[in-house]
């Protein structure tokens, strides 16, 4: 049975880095993220969710190509699975638009 962690629950009002900073279990070869956006406000709101990876838990890198969701511009739910790249990972949410807020939740599974 995969382990589960809450990445975020509630409202994001600014670009957020390291909403979850996790050590990948030794037996895990992937991380899945279930994202459920229930509301978005602002002018031209968009949220770009992605994962970053680290070998030591201190220096963070983007995968090439990035482990990312397509930009979210409307409420909805989506799940995406990413192959593990390193022993540590964290989630990043970058907001664009004017006065953007995103409400919902995200959970990870590995």
Protein backbone atom coordinates (compact mmCIF):
# COMPACT_ATOMS: atom_id res chain seq x y z
CA UNK A 1 0.00 0.00 0.00
CA UNK A 2 1.49 3.41 -0.95
CA UNK A 3 2.24 5.95 1.76
CA UNK A 4 0.35 9.26 1.63
CA UNK A 5 1.29 12.82 2.63
CA UNK A 6 -0.64 16.09 2.48
CA UNK A 7 1.14 18.62 0.27
CA UNK A 8 -1.35 21.40 0.86
CA UNK A 9 -4.92 21.90 1.94
CA UNK A 10 -6.61 25.30 1.91
CA UNK A 11 -5.82 28.46 -0.04
CA UNK A 12 -2.53 29.47 -1.65
CA UNK A 13 -2.11 33.22 -2.09
CA UNK A 14 1.50 33.47 -3.19
CA UNK A 15 4.13 31.36 -4.91
CA UNK A 16 4.98 28.54 -2.52
CA UNK A 17 8.16 26.46 -2.39
CA UNK A 18 8.63 23.32 -0.32
CA UNK A 19 5.05 22.82 0.71
CA UNK A 20 6.26 19.32 1.44
CA UNK A 21 9.90 18.29 1.80
CA UNK A 22 10.02 14.51 1.95
CA UNK A 23 12.50 11.68 2.05
CA UNK A 24 11.44 9.12 -0.49
CA UNK A 25 11.04 5.65 1.06
CA UNK A 26 13.93 3.35 0.07
CA UNK A 27 11.52 0.99 -1.68
CA UNK A 28 9.76 3.73 -3.69
CA UNK A 29 10.59 4.29 -7.35
CA UNK A 30 7.87 6.89 -8.00
CA UNK A 31 5.81 9.70 -6.51
CA UNK A 32 2.21 10.38 -7.54
CA UNK A 33 0.47 13.67 -6.80
CA UNK A 34 -3.32 14.01 -6.69
CA UNK A 35 -4.27 17.65 -7.16
CA UNK A 36 -7.81 18.92 -6.53
CA UNK A 37 -8.37 22.63 -7.25
CA UNK A 38 -11.83 23.67 -6.05
CA UNK A 39 -11.65 27.44 -6.73
CA UNK A 40 -9.44 30.05 -8.38
CA UNK A 41 -9.75 33.81 -8.17
CA UNK A 42 -7.93 36.78 -9.64
CA UNK A 43 -7.37 38.16 -13.11
CA UNK A 44 -6.03 35.50 -15.51
CA UNK A 45 -5.19 33.13 -12.63
CA UNK A 46 -2.86 30.20 -13.23
CA UNK A 47 -1.00 27.80 -10.96
CA UNK A 48 2.04 25.80 -12.05
CA UNK A 49 2.67 22.79 -9.79
CA UNK A 50 5.95 20.86 -10.07
CA UNK A 51 8.36 18.68 -8.12
CA UNK A 52 12.02 19.39 -7.39
CA UNK A 53 14.61 16.78 -6.43
CA UNK A 54 17.65 16.63 -4.14
CA UNK A 55 20.37 14.10 -3.43
CA UNK A 56 21.09 15.60 0.02
CA UNK A 57 17.90 17.44 1.06
CA UNK A 58 19.67 20.81 0.76
CA UNK A 59 20.45 21.50 -2.92
CA UNK A 60 17.30 21.38 -5.11
CA UNK A 61 17.08 20.81 -8.85
CA UNK A 62 14.48 20.60 -11.59
CA UNK A 63 14.26 17.39 -13.58
CA UNK A 64 14.87 17.63 -17.31
CA UNK A 65 12.21 17.77 -18.61
CA UNK A 66 10.53 19.22 -15.49
CA UNK A 67 8.25 17.00 -13.42
CA UNK A 68 5.26 19.29 -13.73
CA UNK A 69 1.52 19.47 -14.23
CA UNK A 70 0.15 21.48 -17.13
CA UNK A 71 -0.68 24.96 -15.77
CA UNK A 72 -3.98 24.91 -13.88
CA UNK A 73 -6.34 27.71 -14.97
CA UNK A 74 -9.74 26.34 -13.89
CA UNK A 75 -10.95 24.19 -11.00
CA UNK A 76 -10.66 20.43 -11.44
CA UNK A 77 -8.91 17.30 -10.25
CA UNK A 78 -5.94 15.54 -11.81
CA UNK A 79 -3.36 12.96 -10.77
CA UNK A 80 0.12 12.52 -12.19
CA UNK A 81 2.86 10.00 -11.47
CA UNK A 82 6.56 10.91 -11.60
CA UNK A 83 9.55 8.54 -11.64
CA UNK A 84 11.86 9.14 -8.66
CA UNK A 85 14.98 11.12 -9.54
CA UNK A 86 16.63 11.34 -6.10
CA UNK A 87 16.14 10.46 -2.45
CA UNK A 88 14.42 13.74 -1.52
CA UNK A 89 11.67 15.73 -3.17
CA UNK A 90 9.60 18.85 -2.58
CA UNK A 91 6.56 20.46 -4.18
CA UNK A 92 6.49 23.92 -5.71
CA UNK A 93 3.46 26.00 -6.71
CA UNK A 94 4.06 29.11 -8.80
CA UNK A 95 1.12 31.50 -9.18
CA UNK A 96 0.73 33.91 -12.09
CA UNK A 97 -1.93 36.46 -12.95
CA UNK A 98 -3.11 39.34 -10.78
CA UNK A 99 -4.24 38.71 -7.18
CA UNK A 100 -4.34 34.97 -7.85
CA UNK A 101 -5.58 32.59 -5.16
CA UNK A 102 -5.97 28.83 -5.48
CA UNK A 103 -8.13 26.79 -3.11
CA UNK A 104 -8.04 23.03 -2.89
CA UNK A 105 -5.75 20.24 -1.82
CA UNK A 106 -2.93 18.02 -3.00
CA UNK A 107 -1.72 14.70 -1.67
CA UNK A 108 1.33 12.64 -2.59
CA UNK A 109 1.63 8.87 -2.76
CA UNK A 110 4.77 6.76 -3.06
